[in-house]
Amino acid sequence: MNTTTLPLTFPVTLNGIETTSLSMRRPKVRDMLVGEKKGKSDAEREIHVFANLCEVTPDLIQELDMADYAELQKTYQDFLS
């Protein structure tokens, strides 16, 4: 599986655009490096990695409900196992 689509339980509206789902692709080493360069803390690094994998802005990831964010984390972990 190369991409997983995650429907959002709590859709996000950012800049007038509603997002109801996110598609996350399989991570590569370069995605981890992007997170390392852009994030100051573990949480910021993870947000940048997720934004990169979902092809959205970090701002959108930051607006997610924690329940949806937890599902995003689970999806990421599933790719690694």
PDB file of N, CA and C in Angstrom:
ATOM      1  N   MET A   1       0.849  -1.170   0.000  1.00  0.00           N
ATOM      2  CA  MET A   1       0.000   0.000   0.000  1.00  0.00           C
ATOM      3  C   MET A   1       0.901   1.241   0.000  1.00  0.00           C
ATOM      4  N   ASN A   2       0.736   2.108  -0.990  1.00  0.00           N
ATOM      5  CA  ASN A   2       1.572   3.303  -1.098  1.00  0.00           C
ATOM      6  C   ASN A   2       0.921   4.553  -0.532  1.00  0.00           C
ATOM      7  N   THR A   3      -0.416   4.594  -0.508  1.00  0.00           N
ATOM      8  CA  THR A   3      -1.150   5.746  -0.002  1.00  0.00           C
ATOM      9  C   THR A   3      -2.353   5.265   0.785  1.00  0.00           C
ATOM     10  N   THR A   4      -2.637   5.944   1.886  1.00  0.00           N
ATOM     11  CA  THR A   4      -3.821   5.661   2.679  1.00  0.00           C
ATOM     12  C   THR A   4      -4.617   6.947   2.815  1.00  0.00           C
ATOM     13  N   THR A   5      -5.921   6.862   2.588  1.00  0.00           N
ATOM     14  CA  THR A   5      -6.797   8.019   2.760  1.00  0.00           C
ATOM     15  C   THR A   5      -7.464   7.925   4.122  1.00  0.00           C
ATOM     16  N   LEU A   6      -7.358   8.998   4.872  1.00  0.00           N
ATOM     17  CA  LEU A   6      -7.914   9.070   6.216  1.00  0.00           C
ATOM     18  C   LEU A   6      -9.069  10.069   6.230  1.00  0.00           C
ATOM     19  N   PRO A   7     -10.324   9.601   6.368  1.00  0.00           N
ATOM     20  CA  PRO A   7     -11.431  10.542   6.491  1.00  0.00           C
ATOM     21  C   PRO A   7     -11.349  11.239   7.852  1.00  0.00           C
ATOM     22  N   LEU A   8     -11.570  12.533   7.870  1.00  0.00           N
ATOM     23  CA  LEU A   8     -11.511  13.282   9.123  1.00  0.00           C
ATOM     24  C   LEU A   8     -12.867  13.237   9.817  1.00  0.00           C
ATOM     25  N   THR A   9     -12.871  12.870  11.081  1.00  0.00           N
ATOM     26  CA  THR A   9     -14.093  12.887  11.879  1.00  0.00           C
ATOM     27  C   THR A   9     -14.531  14.330  12.102  1.00  0.00           C
ATOM     28  N   PHE A  10     -13.556  15.213  12.223  1.00  0.00           N
ATOM     29  CA  PHE A  10     -13.806  16.633  12.446  1.00  0.00           C
ATOM     30  C   PHE A  10     -13.122  17.422  11.326  1.00  0.00           C
ATOM     31  N   PRO A  11     -13.842  17.681  10.218  1.00  0.00           N
ATOM     32  CA  PRO A  11     -13.239  18.405   9.093  1.00  0.00           C
ATOM     33  C   PRO A  11     -12.640  19.745   9.529  1.00  0.00           C
ATOM     34  N   VAL A  12     -11.643  20.173   8.791  1.00  0.00           N
ATOM     35  CA  VAL A  12     -10.913  21.405   9.080  1.00  0.00           C
ATOM     36  C   VAL A  12     -11.172  22.406   7.966  1.00  0.00           C
ATOM     37  N   THR A  13     -11.454  23.653   8.347  1.00  0.00           N
ATOM     38  CA  THR A  13     -11.566  24.730   7.370  1.00  0.00           C
ATOM     39  C   THR A  13     -10.409  25.689   7.607  1.00  0.00           C
ATOM     40  N   LEU A  14      -9.606  25.871   6.574  1.00  0.00           N
ATOM     41  CA  LEU A  14      -8.445  26.755   6.650  1.00  0.00           C
ATOM     42  C   LEU A  14      -8.414  27.587   5.383  1.00  0.00           C
ATOM     43  N   ASN A  15      -8.342  28.905   5.546  1.00  0.00           N
ATOM     44  CA  ASN A  15      -8.351  29.833   4.407  1.00  0.00           C
ATOM     45  C   ASN A  15      -9.574  29.621   3.521  1.00  0.00           C
ATOM     46  N   GLY A  16     -10.709  29.321   4.151  1.00  0.00           N
ATOM     47  CA  GLY A  16     -11.962  29.164   3.421  1.00  0.00           C
ATOM     48  C   GLY A  16     -12.122  27.839   2.695  1.00  0.00           C
ATOM     49  N   ILE A  17     -11.174  26.920   2.858  1.00  0.00           N
ATOM     50  CA  ILE A  17     -11.238  25.623   2.181  1.00  0.00           C
ATOM     51  C   ILE A  17     -11.440  24.535   3.231  1.00  0.00           C
ATOM     52  N   GLU A  18     -12.511  23.748   3.051  1.00  0.00           N
ATOM     53  CA  GLU A  18     -12.785  22.657   3.983  1.00  0.00           C
ATOM     54  C   GLU A  18     -12.051  21.391   3.542  1.00  0.00           C
ATOM     55  N   THR A  19     -11.372  20.776   4.480  1.00  0.00           N
ATOM     56  CA  THR A  19     -10.681  19.507   4.239  1.00  0.00           C
ATOM     57  C   THR A  19     -11.411  18.434   5.024  1.00  0.00           C
ATOM     58  N   THR A  20     -11.901  17.410   4.315  1.00  0.00           N
ATOM     59  CA  THR A  20     -12.669  16.341   4.956  1.00  0.00           C
ATOM     60  C   THR A  20     -11.893  15.031   5.042  1.00  0.00           C
ATOM     61  N   SER A  21     -10.761  14.959   4.351  1.00  0.00           N
ATOM     62  CA  SER A  21      -9.918  13.760   4.412  1.00  0.00           C
ATOM     63  C   SER A  21      -8.486  14.142   4.053  1.00  0.00           C
ATOM     64  N   LEU A  22      -7.570  13.295   4.460  1.00  0.00           N
ATOM     65  CA  LEU A  22      -6.162  13.467   4.116  1.00  0.00           C
ATOM     66  C   LEU A  22      -5.658  12.171   3.504  1.00  0.00           C
ATOM     67  N   SER A  23      -4.815  12.285   2.499  1.00  0.00           N
ATOM     68  CA  SER A  23      -4.162  11.118   1.903  1.00  0.00           C
ATOM     69  C   SER A  23      -2.694  11.162   2.284  1.00  0.00           C
ATOM     70  N   MET A  24      -2.247  10.114   2.951  1.00  0.00           N
ATOM     71  CA  MET A  24      -0.852  10.027   3.386  1.00  0.00           C
ATOM     72  C   MET A  24      -0.136   8.966   2.557  1.00  0.00           C
ATOM     73  N   ARG A  25       1.003   9.360   1.992  1.00  0.00           N
ATOM     74  CA  ARG A  25       1.804   8.400   1.229  1.00  0.00           C
ATOM     75  C   ARG A  25       2.840   7.764   2.151  1.00  0.00           C
ATOM     76  N   ARG A  26       3.419   6.671   1.679  1.00  0.00           N
ATOM     77  CA  ARG A  26       4.465   5.988   2.450  1.00  0.00           C
ATOM     78  C   ARG A  26       5.644   6.937   2.677  1.00  0.00           C
ATOM     79  N   PRO A  27       6.189   6.946   3.885  1.00  0.00           N
ATOM     80  CA  PRO A  27       7.323   7.826   4.167  1.00  0.00           C
ATOM     81  C   PRO A  27       8.634   7.294   3.597  1.00  0.00           C
ATOM     82  N   LYS A  28       9.503   8.226   3.290  1.00  0.00           N
ATOM     83  CA  LYS A  28      10.858   7.922   2.821  1.00  0.00           C
ATOM     84  C   LYS A  28      11.846   8.609   3.766  1.00  0.00           C
ATOM     85  N   VAL A  29      13.085   8.250   3.678  1.00  0.00           N
ATOM     86  CA  VAL A  29      14.110   8.841   4.541  1.00  0.00           C
ATOM     87  C   VAL A  29      14.137  10.355   4.364  1.00  0.00           C
ATOM     88  N   ARG A  30      13.975  10.826   3.132  1.00  0.00           N
ATOM     89  CA  ARG A  30      14.030  12.280   2.897  1.00  0.00           C
ATOM     90  C   ARG A  30      12.928  13.023   3.650  1.00  0.00           C
ATOM     91  N   ASP A  31      11.785  12.365   3.901  1.00  0.00           N
ATOM     92  CA  ASP A  31      10.715  12.999   4.677  1.00  0.00           C
ATOM     93  C   ASP A  31      11.161  13.221   6.119  1.00  0.00           C
ATOM     94  N   MET A  32      11.863  12.245   6.678  1.00  0.00           N
ATOM     95  CA  MET A  32      12.393  12.387   8.026  1.00  0.00           C
ATOM     96  C   MET A  32      13.397  13.540   8.076  1.00  0.00           C
ATOM     97  N   LEU A  33      14.220  13.669   7.045  1.00  0.00           N
ATOM     98  CA  LEU A  33      15.217  14.741   7.005  1.00  0.00           C
ATOM     99  C   LEU A  33      14.560  16.113   6.930  1.00  0.00           C
ATOM    100  N   VAL A  34      13.458  16.216   6.185  1.00  0.00           N
ATOM    101  CA  VAL A  34      12.715  17.484   6.124  1.00  0.00           C
ATOM    102  C   VAL A  34      12.236  17.861   7.518  1.00  0.00           C
ATOM    103  N   GLY A  35      11.676  16.896   8.225  1.00  0.00           N
ATOM    104  CA  GLY A  35      11.209  17.154   9.585  1.00  0.00           C
ATOM    105  C   GLY A  35      12.333  17.582  10.505  1.00  0.00           C
ATOM    106  N   GLU A  36      13.483  16.934  10.377  1.00  0.00           N
ATOM    107  CA  GLU A  36      14.638  17.275  11.217  1.00  0.00           C
ATOM    108  C   GLU A  36      15.102  18.707  10.972  1.00  0.00           C
ATOM    109  N   LYS A  37      15.054  19.152   9.726  1.00  0.00           N
ATOM    110  CA  LYS A  37      15.525  20.495   9.382  1.00  0.00           C
ATOM    111  C   LYS A  37      14.544  21.581   9.813  1.00  0.00           C
ATOM    112  N   LYS A  38      13.246  21.290   9.752  1.00  0.00           N
ATOM    113  CA  LYS A  38      12.245  22.331   9.967  1.00  0.00           C
ATOM    114  C   LYS A  38      11.690  22.388  11.382  1.00  0.00           C
ATOM    115  N   GLY A  39      11.816  21.312  12.138  1.00  0.00           N
ATOM    116  CA  GLY A  39      11.212  21.282  13.464  1.00  0.00           C
ATOM    117  C   GLY A  39      12.214  21.480  14.578  1.00  0.00           C
ATOM    118  N   LYS A  40      11.797  22.234  15.594  1.00  0.00           N
ATOM    119  CA  LYS A  40      12.662  22.470  16.750  1.00  0.00           C
ATOM    120  C   LYS A  40      12.411  21.437  17.841  1.00  0.00           C
ATOM    121  N   SER A  41      11.186  20.950  17.920  1.00  0.00           N
ATOM    122  CA  SER A  41      10.829  19.945  18.921  1.00  0.00           C
ATOM    123  C   SER A  41      10.353  18.685  18.206  1.00  0.00           C
ATOM    124  N   ASP A  42      10.192  17.604  18.957  1.00  0.00           N
ATOM    125  CA  ASP A  42       9.688  16.366  18.361  1.00  0.00           C
ATOM    126  C   ASP A  42       8.318  16.583  17.732  1.00  0.00           C
ATOM    127  N   ALA A  43       7.456  17.335  18.421  1.00  0.00           N
ATOM    128  CA  ALA A  43       6.106  17.582  17.905  1.00  0.00           C
ATOM    129  C   ALA A  43       6.155  18.367  16.596  1.00  0.00           C
ATOM    130  N   GLU A  44       6.999  19.395  16.533  1.00  0.00           N
ATOM    131  CA  GLU A  44       7.117  20.186  15.304  1.00  0.00           C
ATOM    132  C   GLU A  44       7.675  19.354  14.158  1.00  0.00           C
ATOM    133  N   ARG A  45       8.643  18.508  14.463  1.00  0.00           N
ATOM    134  CA  ARG A  45       9.206  17.634  13.424  1.00  0.00           C
ATOM    135  C   ARG A  45       8.124  16.710  12.871  1.00  0.00           C
ATOM    136  N   GLU A  46       7.331  16.133  13.763  1.00  0.00           N
ATOM    137  CA  GLU A  46       6.272  15.226  13.333  1.00  0.00           C
ATOM    138  C   GLU A  46       5.242  15.957  12.477  1.00  0.00           C
ATOM    139  N   ILE A  47       4.873  17.156  12.859  1.00  0.00           N
ATOM    140  CA  ILE A  47       3.912  17.951  12.086  1.00  0.00           C
ATOM    141  C   ILE A  47       4.448  18.206  10.683  1.00  0.00           C
ATOM    142  N   HIS A  48       5.721  18.553  10.566  1.00  0.00           N
ATOM    143  CA  HIS A  48       6.310  18.807   9.245  1.00  0.00           C
ATOM    144  C   HIS A  48       6.370  17.537   8.406  1.00  0.00           C
ATOM    145  N   VAL A  49       6.702  16.423   9.027  1.00  0.00           N
ATOM    146  CA  VAL A  49       6.726  15.150   8.294  1.00  0.00           C
ATOM    147  C   VAL A  49       5.323  14.811   7.802  1.00  0.00           C
ATOM    148  N   PHE A  50       4.324  14.915   8.677  1.00  0.00           N
ATOM    149  CA  PHE A  50       2.950  14.586   8.286  1.00  0.00           C
ATOM    150  C   PHE A  50       2.459  15.518   7.184  1.00  0.00           C
ATOM    151  N   ALA A  51       2.776  16.811   7.291  1.00  0.00           N
ATOM    152  CA  ALA A  51       2.362  17.764   6.259  1.00  0.00           C
ATOM    153  C   ALA A  51       2.984  17.387   4.919  1.00  0.00           C
ATOM    154  N   ASN A  52       4.240  17.012   4.940  1.00  0.00           N
ATOM    155  CA  ASN A  52       4.937  16.611   3.720  1.00  0.00           C
ATOM    156  C   ASN A  52       4.304  15.357   3.121  1.00  0.00           C
ATOM    157  N   LEU A  53       4.030  14.372   3.955  1.00  0.00           N
ATOM    158  CA  LEU A  53       3.461  13.113   3.474  1.00  0.00           C
ATOM    159  C   LEU A  53       2.036  13.271   2.952  1.00  0.00           C
ATOM    160  N   CYS A  54       1.303  14.231   3.519  1.00  0.00           N
ATOM    161  CA  CYS A  54      -0.092  14.464   3.105  1.00  0.00           C
ATOM    162  C   CYS A  54      -0.213  15.572   2.060  1.00  0.00           C
ATOM    163  N   GLU A  55       0.916  16.212   1.743  1.00  0.00           N
ATOM    164  CA  GLU A  55       0.949  17.308   0.770  1.00  0.00           C
ATOM    165  C   GLU A  55      -0.014  18.432   1.137  1.00  0.00           C
ATOM    166  N   VAL A  56       0.058  18.835   2.416  1.00  0.00           N
ATOM    167  CA  VAL A  56      -0.702  19.972   2.932  1.00  0.00           C
ATOM    168  C   VAL A  56       0.271  20.844   3.723  1.00  0.00           C
ATOM    169  N   THR A  57      -0.199  21.975   4.201  1.00  0.00           N
ATOM    170  CA  THR A  57       0.658  22.854   4.991  1.00  0.00           C
ATOM    171  C   THR A  57       0.710  22.383   6.444  1.00  0.00           C
ATOM    172  N   PRO A  58       1.788  22.715   7.147  1.00  0.00           N
ATOM    173  CA  PRO A  58       1.834  22.414   8.579  1.00  0.00           C
ATOM    174  C   PRO A  58       0.676  23.072   9.335  1.00  0.00           C
ATOM    175  N   ASP A  59       0.224  24.240   8.869  1.00  0.00           N
ATOM    176  CA  ASP A  59      -0.907  24.911   9.517  1.00  0.00           C
ATOM    177  C   ASP A  59      -2.149  24.036   9.516  1.00  0.00           C
ATOM    178  N   LEU A  60      -2.394  23.328   8.419  1.00  0.00           N
ATOM    179  CA  LEU A  60      -3.562  22.458   8.358  1.00  0.00           C
ATOM    180  C   LEU A  60      -3.425  21.317   9.365  1.00  0.00           C
ATOM    181  N   ILE A  61      -2.266  20.723   9.455  1.00  0.00           N
ATOM    182  CA  ILE A  61      -2.044  19.645  10.425  1.00  0.00           C
ATOM    183  C   ILE A  61      -2.271  20.167  11.845  1.00  0.00           C
ATOM    184  N   GLN A  62      -1.825  21.381  12.120  1.00  0.00           N
ATOM    185  CA  GLN A  62      -1.992  21.962  13.453  1.00  0.00           C
ATOM    186  C   GLN A  62      -3.453  22.219  13.796  1.00  0.00           C
ATOM    187  N   GLU A  63      -4.303  22.375  12.800  1.00  0.00           N
ATOM    188  CA  GLU A  63      -5.726  22.624  13.036  1.00  0.00           C
ATOM    189  C   GLU A  63      -6.538  21.345  13.248  1.00  0.00           C
ATOM    190  N   LEU A  64      -5.923  20.181  13.054  1.00  0.00           N
ATOM    191  CA  LEU A  64      -6.654  18.926  13.221  1.00  0.00           C
ATOM    192  C   LEU A  64      -7.106  18.732  14.663  1.00  0.00           C
ATOM    193  N   ASP A  65      -8.269  18.137  14.816  1.00  0.00           N
ATOM    194  CA  ASP A  65      -8.727  17.684  16.124  1.00  0.00           C
ATOM    195  C   ASP A  65      -7.764  16.590  16.593  1.00  0.00           C
ATOM    196  N   MET A  66      -7.548  16.493  17.888  1.00  0.00           N
ATOM    197  CA  MET A  66      -6.596  15.505  18.401  1.00  0.00           C
ATOM    198  C   MET A  66      -6.998  14.075  18.067  1.00  0.00           C
ATOM    199  N   ALA A  67      -8.293  13.797  17.962  1.00  0.00           N
ATOM    200  CA  ALA A  67      -8.733  12.446  17.584  1.00  0.00           C
ATOM    201  C   ALA A  67      -8.280  12.127  16.160  1.00  0.00           C
ATOM    202  N   ASP A  68      -8.420  13.087  15.255  1.00  0.00           N
ATOM    203  CA  ASP A  68      -7.968  12.882  13.877  1.00  0.00           C
ATOM    204  C   ASP A  68      -6.441  12.819  13.808  1.00  0.00           C
ATOM    205  N   TYR A  69      -5.777  13.628  14.623  1.00  0.00           N
ATOM    206  CA  TYR A  69      -4.310  13.602  14.646  1.00  0.00           C
ATOM    207  C   TYR A  69      -3.803  12.240  15.126  1.00  0.00           C
ATOM    208  N   ALA A  70      -4.479  11.676  16.120  1.00  0.00           N
ATOM    209  CA  ALA A  70      -4.097  10.350  16.620  1.00  0.00           C
ATOM    210  C   ALA A  70      -4.248   9.297  15.525  1.00  0.00           C
ATOM    211  N   GLU A  71      -5.279   9.414  14.697  1.00  0.00           N
ATOM    212  CA  GLU A  71      -5.460   8.484  13.572  1.00  0.00           C
ATOM    213  C   GLU A  71      -4.352   8.667  12.536  1.00  0.00           C
ATOM    214  N   LEU A  72      -3.936   9.914  12.339  1.00  0.00           N
ATOM    215  CA  LEU A  72      -2.830  10.192  11.418  1.00  0.00           C
ATOM    216  C   LEU A  72      -1.538   9.548  11.942  1.00  0.00           C
ATOM    217  N   GLN A  73      -1.300   9.661  13.250  1.00  0.00           N
ATOM    218  CA  GLN A  73      -0.131   9.024  13.853  1.00  0.00           C
ATOM    219  C   GLN A  73      -0.184   7.503  13.680  1.00  0.00           C
ATOM    220  N   LYS A  74      -1.361   6.927  13.868  1.00  0.00           N
ATOM    221  CA  LYS A  74      -1.525   5.477  13.714  1.00  0.00           C
ATOM    222  C   LYS A  74      -1.247   5.064  12.270  1.00  0.00           C
ATOM    223  N   THR A  75      -1.761   5.838  11.319  1.00  0.00           N
ATOM    224  CA  THR A  75      -1.526   5.545   9.904  1.00  0.00           C
ATOM    225  C   THR A  75      -0.032   5.575   9.598  1.00  0.00           C
ATOM    226  N   TYR A  76       0.653   6.570  10.124  1.00  0.00           N
ATOM    227  CA  TYR A  76       2.100   6.684   9.930  1.00  0.00           C
ATOM    228  C   TYR A  76       2.813   5.454  10.497  1.00  0.00           C
ATOM    229  N   GLN A  77       2.454   5.072  11.715  1.00  0.00           N
ATOM    230  CA  GLN A  77       3.076   3.904  12.346  1.00  0.00           C
ATOM    231  C   GLN A  77       2.798   2.624  11.567  1.00  0.00           C
ATOM    232  N   ASP A  78       1.586   2.521  11.005  1.00  0.00           N
ATOM    233  CA  ASP A  78       1.244   1.341  10.198  1.00  0.00           C
ATOM    234  C   ASP A  78       2.161   1.221   8.979  1.00  0.00           C
ATOM    235  N   PHE A  79       2.541   2.356   8.399  1.00  0.00           N
ATOM    236  CA  PHE A  79       3.470   2.325   7.268  1.00  0.00           C
ATOM    237  C   PHE A  79       4.835   1.769   7.691  1.00  0.00           C
ATOM    238  N   LEU A  80       5.217   2.011   8.930  1.00  0.00           N
ATOM    239  CA  LEU A  80       6.543   1.617   9.402  1.00  0.00           C
ATOM    240  C   LEU A  80       6.610   0.170   9.881  1.00  0.00           C
ATOM    241  N   SER A  81       5.456  -0.453  10.049  1.00  0.00           N
ATOM    242  CA  SER A  81       5.472  -1.835  10.556  1.00  0.00           C
ATOM    243  C   SER A  81       5.174  -2.850   9.476  1.00  0.00           C
TER     244      SER A  81
END
